[in-house]
Amino acid sequence: MLHRVVLKPERMLSVLPQVDEGLFVIRCPLLKKTYQVILYKYNEDYFLLRNPYLVHLLLDKSKLQLSNSYLLGLIEQAMEANHYQMTTKEWVTLDLNTLRYQSEVEIEMFSFGE
């Protein structure tokens, strides 16, 4: 079953070490552009997925009925097509600590469970 939770940056900082596999959609309007990231965490590895369709799909509130298999399939397609960039826990922490000072941060966590 796919679990969807809305988080603040402070909460994500505390949740992230406890998650073995999860997908995080982070969006925040900034002065000149919108910061928009899809972060996939698998064990100790962090990947920034580069798939605009996935961002649109995950931020669309009417698509609450996504299944584990469908979402994992989209992640797998992005990885196979090399539409990702590896990142580190330190960079993720830096971004979240910076975003804590923004007022309109949207973070949605998708975790995969039975």
N, C-alpha and C. Protein backbone atom coordinates (compact mmCIF):
# COMPACT_ATOMS: atom_id res chain seq x y z
N MET A 1 0.84 -1.18 0.00
CA MET A 1 0.00 0.00 0.00
C MET A 1 0.89 1.24 0.00
N LEU A 2 0.52 2.21 -0.77
CA LEU A 2 1.26 3.46 -0.87
C LEU A 2 0.77 4.42 0.21
N HIS A 3 1.71 4.94 0.99
CA HIS A 3 1.38 5.90 2.04
C HIS A 3 1.86 7.27 1.62
N ARG A 4 0.98 8.26 1.75
CA ARG A 4 1.29 9.63 1.34
C ARG A 4 1.16 10.52 2.57
N VAL A 5 2.23 11.26 2.89
CA VAL A 5 2.26 12.11 4.08
C VAL A 5 2.82 13.47 3.69
N VAL A 6 2.22 14.53 4.21
CA VAL A 6 2.71 15.88 4.00
C VAL A 6 3.63 16.24 5.17
N LEU A 7 4.81 16.77 4.85
CA LEU A 7 5.81 17.09 5.87
C LEU A 7 6.30 18.53 5.74
N LYS A 8 6.82 19.03 6.82
CA LYS A 8 7.57 20.28 6.84
C LYS A 8 9.05 19.90 6.77
N PRO A 9 9.93 20.82 6.35
CA PRO A 9 11.36 20.49 6.25
C PRO A 9 11.95 19.95 7.56
N GLU A 10 11.56 20.53 8.69
CA GLU A 10 12.09 20.06 9.98
C GLU A 10 11.72 18.60 10.23
N ARG A 11 10.48 18.26 9.92
CA ARG A 11 10.00 16.89 10.12
C ARG A 11 10.68 15.93 9.15
N MET A 12 10.88 16.37 7.91
CA MET A 12 11.55 15.50 6.95
C MET A 12 12.97 15.19 7.39
N LEU A 13 13.65 16.16 7.98
CA LEU A 13 15.01 15.93 8.49
C LEU A 13 15.03 14.82 9.53
N SER A 14 14.00 14.73 10.34
CA SER A 14 13.98 13.68 11.36
C SER A 14 13.47 12.35 10.82
N VAL A 15 12.62 12.38 9.81
CA VAL A 15 12.05 11.16 9.23
C VAL A 15 13.03 10.48 8.27
N LEU A 16 13.78 11.25 7.54
CA LEU A 16 14.64 10.72 6.47
C LEU A 16 15.57 9.58 6.92
N PRO A 17 16.26 9.69 8.06
CA PRO A 17 17.14 8.58 8.45
C PRO A 17 16.39 7.28 8.76
N GLN A 18 15.11 7.38 9.06
CA GLN A 18 14.33 6.19 9.43
C GLN A 18 13.71 5.48 8.23
N VAL A 19 13.74 6.11 7.07
CA VAL A 19 13.11 5.55 5.87
C VAL A 19 14.12 4.78 5.05
N ASP A 20 13.80 3.50 4.75
CA ASP A 20 14.68 2.71 3.88
C ASP A 20 14.41 3.00 2.41
N GLU A 21 13.14 3.11 2.07
CA GLU A 21 12.78 3.42 0.69
C GLU A 21 11.61 4.40 0.70
N GLY A 22 11.80 5.51 0.02
CA GLY A 22 10.74 6.50 -0.03
C GLY A 22 10.97 7.50 -1.16
N LEU A 23 9.90 8.14 -1.52
CA LEU A 23 9.94 9.15 -2.58
C LEU A 23 9.43 10.45 -1.96
N PHE A 24 10.17 11.52 -2.18
CA PHE A 24 9.83 12.82 -1.61
C PHE A 24 9.70 13.83 -2.74
N VAL A 25 8.58 14.51 -2.77
CA VAL A 25 8.37 15.58 -3.75
C VAL A 25 8.44 16.89 -2.97
N ILE A 26 9.39 17.74 -3.35
CA ILE A 26 9.61 18.99 -2.64
C ILE A 26 9.40 20.13 -3.62
N ARG A 27 8.58 21.09 -3.19
CA ARG A 27 8.28 22.23 -4.06
C ARG A 27 8.20 23.49 -3.20
N CYS A 28 8.81 24.56 -3.70
CA CYS A 28 8.80 25.81 -2.96
C CYS A 28 8.98 26.97 -3.94
N PRO A 29 8.03 27.91 -3.97
CA PRO A 29 8.22 29.08 -4.82
C PRO A 29 9.30 29.99 -4.24
N LEU A 30 10.24 30.36 -5.09
CA LEU A 30 11.30 31.29 -4.69
C LEU A 30 11.11 32.59 -5.46
N LEU A 31 11.98 33.53 -5.22
CA LEU A 31 11.83 34.84 -5.82
C LEU A 31 11.81 34.79 -7.35
N LYS A 32 12.75 34.07 -7.95
CA LYS A 32 12.86 34.08 -9.42
C LYS A 32 12.40 32.79 -10.09
N LYS A 33 12.22 31.73 -9.33
CA LYS A 33 11.76 30.47 -9.91
C LYS A 33 11.21 29.56 -8.81
N THR A 34 10.68 28.43 -9.20
CA THR A 34 10.16 27.47 -8.25
C THR A 34 11.17 26.35 -8.06
N TYR A 35 11.52 26.09 -6.82
CA TYR A 35 12.38 24.97 -6.47
C TYR A 35 11.49 23.74 -6.48
N GLN A 36 11.85 22.76 -7.30
CA GLN A 36 11.02 21.57 -7.46
C GLN A 36 11.93 20.36 -7.61
N VAL A 37 11.81 19.41 -6.71
CA VAL A 37 12.71 18.25 -6.68
C VAL A 37 11.92 16.99 -6.36
N ILE A 38 12.30 15.91 -7.04
CA ILE A 38 11.82 14.58 -6.65
C ILE A 38 13.03 13.83 -6.13
N LEU A 39 12.99 13.48 -4.87
CA LEU A 39 14.09 12.78 -4.22
C LEU A 39 13.64 11.35 -3.94
N TYR A 40 14.41 10.39 -4.43
CA TYR A 40 14.14 8.98 -4.17
C TYR A 40 15.24 8.46 -3.27
N LYS A 41 14.85 7.89 -2.14
CA LYS A 41 15.84 7.32 -1.22
C LYS A 41 15.68 5.81 -1.21
N TYR A 42 16.78 5.12 -1.42
CA TYR A 42 16.80 3.67 -1.35
C TYR A 42 17.98 3.28 -0.47
N ASN A 43 17.68 2.74 0.70
CA ASN A 43 18.68 2.44 1.72
C ASN A 43 19.48 3.70 2.04
N GLU A 44 20.77 3.72 1.74
CA GLU A 44 21.59 4.90 2.04
C GLU A 44 21.86 5.75 0.79
N ASP A 45 21.24 5.41 -0.32
CA ASP A 45 21.46 6.13 -1.57
C ASP A 45 20.33 7.13 -1.83
N TYR A 46 20.72 8.28 -2.37
CA TYR A 46 19.77 9.35 -2.68
C TYR A 46 19.87 9.69 -4.16
N PHE A 47 18.72 9.80 -4.81
CA PHE A 47 18.67 10.09 -6.24
C PHE A 47 17.70 11.24 -6.49
N LEU A 48 18.11 12.19 -7.30
CA LEU A 48 17.22 13.25 -7.76
C LEU A 48 16.67 12.78 -9.11
N LEU A 49 15.39 12.53 -9.16
CA LEU A 49 14.77 12.05 -10.41
C LEU A 49 14.41 13.23 -11.28
N ARG A 50 14.74 13.13 -12.56
CA ARG A 50 14.50 14.19 -13.54
C ARG A 50 13.39 13.76 -14.49
N ASN A 51 12.16 13.87 -14.02
CA ASN A 51 11.03 13.45 -14.83
C ASN A 51 9.86 14.40 -14.57
N PRO A 52 9.64 15.40 -15.44
CA PRO A 52 8.57 16.38 -15.22
C PRO A 52 7.18 15.74 -15.10
N TYR A 53 6.95 14.66 -15.84
CA TYR A 53 5.65 13.98 -15.74
C TYR A 53 5.43 13.46 -14.32
N LEU A 54 6.46 12.92 -13.73
CA LEU A 54 6.36 12.38 -12.38
C LEU A 54 6.05 13.50 -11.37
N VAL A 55 6.67 14.66 -11.53
CA VAL A 55 6.38 15.81 -10.67
C VAL A 55 4.90 16.19 -10.79
N HIS A 56 4.44 16.33 -12.01
CA HIS A 56 3.04 16.70 -12.26
C HIS A 56 2.10 15.65 -11.64
N LEU A 57 2.39 14.41 -11.87
CA LEU A 57 1.55 13.33 -11.38
C LEU A 57 1.49 13.31 -9.86
N LEU A 58 2.64 13.47 -9.22
CA LEU A 58 2.69 13.38 -7.77
C LEU A 58 2.13 14.60 -7.05
N LEU A 59 2.18 15.76 -7.68
CA LEU A 59 1.65 16.96 -7.05
C LEU A 59 0.18 17.20 -7.37
N ASP A 60 -0.38 16.40 -8.26
CA ASP A 60 -1.79 16.52 -8.61
C ASP A 60 -2.61 15.85 -7.50
N LYS A 61 -3.32 16.66 -6.73
CA LYS A 61 -4.07 16.15 -5.57
C LYS A 61 -5.18 15.18 -5.96
N SER A 62 -5.61 15.19 -7.21
CA SER A 62 -6.68 14.27 -7.61
C SER A 62 -6.15 12.87 -7.90
N LYS A 63 -4.83 12.70 -7.90
CA LYS A 63 -4.24 11.39 -8.21
C LYS A 63 -3.88 10.63 -6.93
N LEU A 64 -4.74 10.69 -5.95
CA LEU A 64 -4.44 10.06 -4.66
C LEU A 64 -4.50 8.53 -4.73
N GLN A 65 -4.96 7.98 -5.82
CA GLN A 65 -5.14 6.54 -5.92
C GLN A 65 -3.97 5.83 -6.61
N LEU A 66 -2.80 6.40 -6.57
CA LEU A 66 -1.63 5.76 -7.17
C LEU A 66 -1.31 4.47 -6.42
N SER A 67 -0.88 3.47 -7.15
CA SER A 67 -0.52 2.20 -6.50
C SER A 67 1.00 2.10 -6.36
N ASN A 68 1.42 1.24 -5.44
CA ASN A 68 2.85 0.97 -5.27
C ASN A 68 3.50 0.56 -6.58
N SER A 69 2.89 -0.40 -7.25
CA SER A 69 3.51 -0.96 -8.45
C SER A 69 3.61 0.08 -9.56
N TYR A 70 2.59 0.92 -9.71
CA TYR A 70 2.62 1.94 -10.75
C TYR A 70 3.73 2.96 -10.48
N LEU A 71 3.79 3.44 -9.25
CA LEU A 71 4.79 4.44 -8.89
C LEU A 71 6.20 3.86 -8.95
N LEU A 72 6.38 2.64 -8.45
CA LEU A 72 7.70 2.00 -8.53
C LEU A 72 8.10 1.76 -9.99
N GLY A 73 7.13 1.47 -10.85
CA GLY A 73 7.41 1.31 -12.28
C GLY A 73 7.91 2.60 -12.91
N LEU A 74 7.30 3.73 -12.53
CA LEU A 74 7.75 5.03 -13.04
C LEU A 74 9.16 5.37 -12.54
N ILE A 75 9.44 5.04 -11.29
CA ILE A 75 10.79 5.26 -10.74
C ILE A 75 11.80 4.40 -11.49
N GLU A 76 11.45 3.15 -11.71
CA GLU A 76 12.34 2.24 -12.43
C GLU A 76 12.60 2.73 -13.86
N GLN A 77 11.58 3.22 -14.54
CA GLN A 77 11.75 3.76 -15.89
C GLN A 77 12.71 4.95 -15.89
N ALA A 78 12.55 5.84 -14.92
CA ALA A 78 13.43 7.00 -14.82
C ALA A 78 14.87 6.56 -14.58
N MET A 79 15.06 5.56 -13.74
CA MET A 79 16.41 5.09 -13.44
C MET A 79 17.03 4.42 -14.68
N GLU A 80 16.25 3.59 -15.36
CA GLU A 80 16.76 2.89 -16.55
C GLU A 80 17.10 3.85 -17.67
N ALA A 81 16.36 4.95 -17.76
CA ALA A 81 16.61 5.95 -18.81
C ALA A 81 17.66 6.97 -18.39
N ASN A 82 18.29 6.74 -17.25
CA ASN A 82 19.30 7.66 -16.70
C ASN A 82 18.76 9.06 -16.47
N HIS A 83 17.50 9.15 -16.07
CA HIS A 83 16.88 10.44 -15.75
C HIS A 83 16.98 10.68 -14.25
N TYR A 84 18.19 10.63 -13.75
CA TYR A 84 18.43 10.86 -12.34
C TYR A 84 19.84 11.39 -12.14
N GLN A 85 20.03 11.93 -10.96
CA GLN A 85 21.36 12.39 -10.56
C GLN A 85 21.55 11.93 -9.12
N MET A 86 22.65 11.28 -8.85
CA MET A 86 22.91 10.86 -7.47
C MET A 86 23.24 12.10 -6.64
N THR A 87 22.85 12.05 -5.38
CA THR A 87 23.18 13.13 -4.46
C THR A 87 23.56 12.50 -3.13
N THR A 88 23.87 13.33 -2.17
CA THR A 88 24.30 12.82 -0.86
C THR A 88 23.35 13.29 0.23
N LYS A 89 23.42 12.60 1.34
CA LYS A 89 22.62 12.98 2.50
C LYS A 89 22.95 14.41 2.93
N GLU A 90 24.21 14.79 2.81
CA GLU A 90 24.63 16.13 3.22
C GLU A 90 23.99 17.22 2.37
N TRP A 91 23.89 17.00 1.06
CA TRP A 91 23.24 17.98 0.17
C TRP A 91 21.74 18.07 0.47
N VAL A 92 21.13 16.93 0.73
CA VAL A 92 19.71 16.92 1.06
C VAL A 92 19.48 17.68 2.37
N THR A 93 20.32 17.43 3.35
CA THR A 93 20.21 18.12 4.64
C THR A 93 20.41 19.62 4.47
N LEU A 94 21.37 20.02 3.65
CA LEU A 94 21.61 21.44 3.40
C LEU A 94 20.37 22.09 2.77
N ASP A 95 19.80 21.46 1.76
CA ASP A 95 18.59 22.00 1.13
C ASP A 95 17.44 22.13 2.12
N LEU A 96 17.23 21.10 2.92
CA LEU A 96 16.12 21.13 3.87
C LEU A 96 16.34 22.19 4.95
N ASN A 97 17.57 22.33 5.39
CA ASN A 97 17.86 23.38 6.38
C ASN A 97 17.65 24.77 5.79
N THR A 98 17.91 24.93 4.52
CA THR A 98 17.66 26.22 3.84
C THR A 98 16.17 26.45 3.66
N LEU A 99 15.45 25.42 3.26
CA LEU A 99 14.02 25.54 3.01
C LEU A 99 13.21 25.79 4.29
N ARG A 100 13.78 25.47 5.43
CA ARG A 100 13.09 25.71 6.71
C ARG A 100 12.70 27.17 6.88
N TYR A 101 13.43 28.06 6.22
CA TYR A 101 13.19 29.49 6.36
C TYR A 101 12.23 30.05 5.32
N GLN A 102 11.73 29.19 4.46
CA GLN A 102 10.75 29.60 3.45
C GLN A 102 9.34 29.30 3.99
N SER A 103 8.38 30.11 3.61
CA SER A 103 7.04 29.94 4.17
C SER A 103 6.15 28.97 3.39
N GLU A 104 6.38 28.83 2.11
CA GLU A 104 5.47 28.03 1.28
C GLU A 104 6.11 26.74 0.77
N VAL A 105 6.68 25.96 1.65
CA VAL A 105 7.33 24.71 1.26
C VAL A 105 6.29 23.59 1.28
N GLU A 106 6.24 22.86 0.18
CA GLU A 106 5.36 21.69 0.06
C GLU A 106 6.25 20.46 -0.03
N ILE A 107 6.12 19.55 0.92
CA ILE A 107 6.86 18.28 0.86
C ILE A 107 5.87 17.15 1.04
N GLU A 108 5.88 16.24 0.09
CA GLU A 108 5.05 15.05 0.20
C GLU A 108 5.95 13.83 0.17
N MET A 109 5.73 12.97 1.14
CA MET A 109 6.50 11.73 1.23
C MET A 109 5.59 10.57 0.82
N PHE A 110 6.12 9.74 -0.06
CA PHE A 110 5.43 8.52 -0.48
C PHE A 110 6.28 7.36 0.01
N SER A 111 5.72 6.55 0.88
CA SER A 111 6.46 5.38 1.35
C SER A 111 5.72 4.14 0.89
N PHE A 112 6.48 3.11 0.67
CA PHE A 112 5.94 1.88 0.10
C PHE A 112 5.85 0.85 1.21
N GLY A 113 4.64 0.36 1.46
CA GLY A 113 4.45 -0.63 2.52
C GLY A 113 3.48 -1.70 2.07
N GLU A 114 3.35 -2.67 2.91
CA GLU A 114 2.43 -3.79 2.62
C GLU A 114 1.01 -3.41 2.96
